[in-house]
N, C-alpha and C. Protein backbone atom coordinates (compact mmCIF):
# COMPACT_ATOMS: atom_id res chain seq x y z
N MET A 1 43.11 43.05 -7.47
CA MET A 1 42.93 41.66 -7.16
C MET A 1 42.04 40.76 -6.59
N MET A 2 41.45 39.88 -6.68
CA MET A 2 40.23 39.02 -6.47
C MET A 2 40.21 38.59 -5.41
N PRO A 3 39.89 38.13 -4.27
CA PRO A 3 39.65 37.39 -2.96
C PRO A 3 39.76 35.88 -3.81
N PRO A 4 40.52 34.76 -3.58
CA PRO A 4 40.14 33.55 -3.61
C PRO A 4 38.75 32.78 -3.27
N ARG A 5 38.12 32.27 -4.00
CA ARG A 5 36.85 31.72 -3.82
C ARG A 5 36.61 30.06 -2.48
N THR A 6 35.94 30.30 -1.97
CA THR A 6 35.87 29.35 -1.04
C THR A 6 34.25 28.44 -1.29
N ARG A 7 33.83 27.47 -0.68
CA ARG A 7 32.91 26.52 -1.10
C ARG A 7 32.28 27.10 -0.58
N PHE A 8 31.49 28.68 0.11
CA PHE A 8 30.44 29.42 0.79
C PHE A 8 30.29 30.19 -0.61
N ASP A 9 30.98 30.23 -1.76
CA ASP A 9 30.41 31.32 -2.53
C ASP A 9 29.29 30.28 -3.81
N GLU A 10 29.86 28.95 -3.62
CA GLU A 10 28.96 27.94 -4.52
C GLU A 10 27.39 28.28 -4.47
N PRO A 11 26.67 28.16 -5.39
CA PRO A 11 25.70 28.44 -5.39
C PRO A 11 25.21 27.29 -4.37
N ARG A 12 23.73 27.46 -3.64
CA ARG A 12 23.23 26.64 -2.85
C ARG A 12 22.98 25.31 -3.48
N TRP A 13 22.47 25.26 -4.87
CA TRP A 13 22.17 23.70 -5.13
C TRP A 13 23.48 22.86 -5.58
N LEU A 14 24.73 23.33 -5.10
CA LEU A 14 25.33 22.51 -5.54
C LEU A 14 26.01 21.76 -4.73
N GLN A 15 25.46 22.53 -3.17
CA GLN A 15 25.77 21.58 -2.19
C GLN A 15 24.76 20.41 -1.95
N CYS A 16 25.01 19.37 -1.02
CA CYS A 16 24.55 18.14 -0.97
C CYS A 16 23.63 18.87 0.77
N ILE A 17 22.75 17.98 0.25
CA ILE A 17 21.58 18.31 1.38
C ILE A 17 21.49 17.06 2.39
N LEU A 18 21.39 17.51 3.28
CA LEU A 18 21.65 16.31 4.63
C LEU A 18 19.91 15.77 5.18
N LYS A 19 19.47 14.63 5.12
CA LYS A 19 18.16 14.45 5.45
C LYS A 19 18.44 14.05 6.82
N LEU A 20 17.54 14.61 7.56
CA LEU A 20 17.33 14.48 9.60
C LEU A 20 16.43 13.32 9.42
N SER A 21 16.92 12.63 10.20
CA SER A 21 16.18 11.41 10.50
C SER A 21 16.87 11.19 12.27
N ARG A 22 15.34 10.30 13.22
CA ARG A 22 15.57 9.80 14.20
C ARG A 22 15.53 8.62 14.61
N THR A 23 16.03 8.20 15.33
CA THR A 23 15.33 6.38 15.85
C THR A 23 14.74 6.30 16.94
N VAL A 24 13.72 5.96 16.96
CA VAL A 24 13.12 5.61 17.72
C VAL A 24 13.10 3.87 18.03
N THR A 25 13.12 3.80 19.89
CA THR A 25 13.29 2.40 20.37
C THR A 25 12.26 1.89 21.19
N ILE A 26 11.25 1.43 21.44
CA ILE A 26 10.08 0.78 22.03
C ILE A 26 10.63 -0.31 22.44
N GLU A 27 10.38 -0.25 24.09
CA GLU A 27 10.52 -1.65 24.83
C GLU A 27 9.24 -1.90 25.81
N GLN A 28 8.93 -3.15 25.32
CA GLN A 28 7.71 -3.62 26.38
C GLN A 28 8.23 -4.52 27.11
N ARG A 29 8.01 -4.52 28.19
CA ARG A 29 7.93 -5.74 29.30
C ARG A 29 7.06 -6.71 29.59
N ARG A 30 6.50 -7.81 28.53
CA ARG A 30 5.81 -8.60 29.01
C ARG A 30 6.19 -9.62 29.97
N ARG A 31 5.10 -10.54 30.42
CA ARG A 31 4.86 -11.83 31.39
C ARG A 31 3.96 -13.04 31.18
N LEU A 32 4.11 -13.83 31.18
CA LEU A 32 3.53 -14.95 30.70
C LEU A 32 3.35 -15.54 32.04
N VAL A 33 1.99 -15.65 32.54
CA VAL A 33 1.90 -16.26 33.59
C VAL A 33 0.74 -17.59 33.95
N CYS A 34 1.03 -18.53 35.32
CA CYS A 34 -0.05 -19.45 34.88
C CYS A 34 0.86 -20.95 33.88
N ILE A 35 1.90 -21.28 34.21
CA ILE A 35 2.31 -21.84 33.25
C ILE A 35 2.69 -22.96 34.16
N PRO A 36 2.14 -24.06 34.22
CA PRO A 36 2.03 -25.31 35.15
C PRO A 36 3.21 -25.94 35.58
N ASP A 37 4.24 -26.01 35.10
CA ASP A 37 5.61 -26.52 35.03
C ASP A 37 6.95 -25.92 34.50
N LEU A 38 8.36 -26.68 35.10
CA LEU A 38 9.21 -25.91 34.51
C LEU A 38 9.98 -26.28 33.65
N THR A 39 9.35 -26.80 32.71
CA THR A 39 9.38 -27.82 31.25
C THR A 39 9.22 -27.06 30.56
N SER A 40 7.61 -27.06 30.22
CA SER A 40 6.53 -25.91 29.73
C SER A 40 7.28 -24.76 29.85
N ALA A 41 7.97 -24.06 30.97
CA ALA A 41 8.24 -22.52 31.04
C ALA A 41 9.60 -22.50 30.37
N GLN A 42 10.63 -23.64 29.96
CA GLN A 42 11.89 -23.51 29.34
C GLN A 42 11.37 -24.02 27.78
N SER A 43 10.22 -24.79 27.59
CA SER A 43 9.99 -24.80 25.85
C SER A 43 9.07 -23.36 25.71
N GLU A 44 8.31 -22.94 26.53
CA GLU A 44 8.13 -21.60 25.77
C GLU A 44 8.41 -20.19 26.19
N ARG A 45 9.78 -20.70 26.44
CA ARG A 45 10.85 -19.69 26.40
C ARG A 45 11.33 -19.79 25.03
N GLU A 46 11.81 -21.09 24.70
CA GLU A 46 12.50 -21.37 23.18
C GLU A 46 11.70 -21.09 22.27
N LYS A 47 10.38 -21.19 22.35
CA LYS A 47 9.59 -21.16 21.43
C LYS A 47 9.51 -19.49 21.08
N LEU A 48 9.35 -18.88 22.22
CA LEU A 48 9.75 -17.04 21.94
C LEU A 48 10.58 -16.22 21.24
N GLN A 49 12.06 -17.27 21.75
CA GLN A 49 13.37 -16.86 21.26
C GLN A 49 13.08 -17.49 19.51
N ARG A 50 12.73 -18.33 19.35
CA ARG A 50 12.85 -18.33 17.65
C ARG A 50 11.24 -17.41 17.25
N GLN A 51 10.35 -17.42 17.50
CA GLN A 51 9.59 -16.03 17.04
C GLN A 51 10.06 -14.71 17.20
N HIS A 52 10.93 -14.38 18.14
CA HIS A 52 11.34 -13.15 18.24
C HIS A 52 12.50 -12.60 17.80
N GLY A 53 13.07 -13.83 17.92
CA GLY A 53 14.66 -13.62 17.22
C GLY A 53 15.47 -12.22 18.43
N PRO A 54 16.19 -11.60 18.14
CA PRO A 54 17.35 -10.57 18.86
C PRO A 54 16.64 -9.66 19.18
N ALA A 55 14.97 -9.19 19.19
CA ALA A 55 14.45 -8.40 19.34
C ALA A 55 13.70 -8.79 20.91
N MET A 56 13.97 -9.80 21.46
CA MET A 56 13.53 -10.67 22.73
C MET A 56 14.65 -10.63 23.51
N SER A 57 14.75 -9.77 24.48
CA SER A 57 16.11 -10.01 25.36
C SER A 57 15.58 -10.29 27.14
N ASN A 58 16.58 -10.38 27.76
CA ASN A 58 16.32 -10.73 29.30
C ASN A 58 14.98 -11.83 29.87
N PRO A 59 15.41 -12.89 29.14
CA PRO A 59 14.14 -14.07 29.55
C PRO A 59 14.41 -14.65 30.88
N LYS A 60 13.38 -14.38 31.70
CA LYS A 60 13.69 -14.77 33.00
C LYS A 60 12.38 -15.75 33.51
N ILE A 61 12.62 -17.09 33.62
CA ILE A 61 11.56 -17.79 34.47
C ILE A 61 11.60 -17.75 35.86
N ALA A 62 10.45 -17.28 36.70
CA ALA A 62 10.33 -17.51 38.25
C ALA A 62 9.07 -18.38 39.16
N LYS A 63 9.54 -19.28 39.80
CA LYS A 63 8.23 -19.63 40.57
C LYS A 63 7.87 -19.17 41.39
N ILE A 64 6.41 -18.90 41.44
CA ILE A 64 4.94 -18.27 42.42
C ILE A 64 4.68 -19.42 43.28
N GLY A 65 4.73 -19.05 44.70
CA GLY A 65 3.80 -20.12 45.37
C GLY A 65 4.77 -21.78 45.39
N LYS A 66 4.37 -22.30 46.76
CA LYS A 66 5.04 -23.96 46.40
C LYS A 66 4.27 -24.69 46.47
N GLY A 67 4.88 -25.92 46.92
CA GLY A 67 4.34 -27.25 46.38
C GLY A 67 3.27 -27.49 45.19
N LYS A 68 2.39 -28.04 45.34
CA LYS A 68 1.95 -28.15 43.49
C LYS A 68 0.96 -27.25 43.31
N ASP A 69 0.54 -26.35 43.72
CA ASP A 69 -0.09 -25.50 43.53
C ASP A 69 0.76 -24.31 42.75
N ALA A 70 1.90 -24.22 42.96
CA ALA A 70 2.97 -22.92 42.67
C ALA A 70 2.77 -23.73 40.88
N THR A 71 2.85 -22.31 40.53
CA THR A 71 2.92 -21.69 39.31
C THR A 71 4.09 -21.17 38.54
N TRP A 72 4.52 -21.31 37.38
CA TRP A 72 5.48 -20.73 36.51
C TRP A 72 5.21 -19.54 36.13
N THR A 73 6.18 -18.79 36.07
CA THR A 73 6.41 -17.31 35.16
C THR A 73 7.04 -16.65 34.21
N LEU A 74 7.05 -16.45 33.20
CA LEU A 74 8.06 -16.39 32.06
C LEU A 74 7.98 -15.48 31.56
N SER A 75 9.29 -14.10 32.21
CA SER A 75 9.47 -12.18 31.63
C SER A 75 10.08 -11.89 30.90
N TYR A 76 10.49 -11.50 30.13
CA TYR A 76 10.86 -11.24 29.14
C TYR A 76 10.86 -9.44 28.39
N THR A 77 11.56 -9.06 27.53
CA THR A 77 11.55 -7.49 27.00
C THR A 77 11.86 -8.00 25.69
N LEU A 78 10.60 -6.90 24.75
CA LEU A 78 10.82 -6.70 23.53
C LEU A 78 11.19 -5.58 23.31
N ARG A 79 12.18 -5.38 21.90
CA ARG A 79 12.57 -4.17 21.50
C ARG A 79 12.27 -3.83 20.22
N GLU A 80 11.73 -3.06 19.82
CA GLU A 80 11.49 -2.52 18.53
C GLU A 80 11.89 -1.05 18.16
N SER A 81 12.87 -1.27 17.23
CA SER A 81 13.72 0.03 16.73
C SER A 81 12.95 0.54 15.29
N ARG A 82 12.20 1.41 14.87
CA ARG A 82 12.76 2.27 13.74
C ARG A 82 12.96 3.87 13.41
N THR A 83 13.36 3.87 12.40
CA THR A 83 14.24 5.70 12.26
C THR A 83 12.53 5.77 10.94
N GLU A 84 12.71 7.41 11.78
CA GLU A 84 11.79 8.26 11.42
C GLU A 84 12.46 8.96 10.53
N GLU A 85 12.10 9.74 9.45
CA GLU A 85 12.97 10.97 8.61
C GLU A 85 11.97 11.99 8.96
N LEU A 86 12.70 13.15 9.47
CA LEU A 86 12.31 14.66 10.03
C LEU A 86 11.94 15.40 8.95
N PHE A 87 11.07 16.13 8.54
CA PHE A 87 10.86 17.47 8.02
C PHE A 87 10.32 16.22 6.19
């Protein structure tokens, strides 16, 4: 009497081949300096959000200095993801 056949008894060419891949995520922190006033910094933030979409995250506006000599800084993070196939 023969033992029952299992899927390991099938030839390899009938089996599925899985592709190996990896996802690479690159985050870049960027900063724009010397923006003269708060409204310009806010409009620049809105422009960058429209330009980069969901890839842009964590935008922050900060004031550097005091009085009329103060400048505004806009900092944000850009995230780029890509999938690479191995082998």
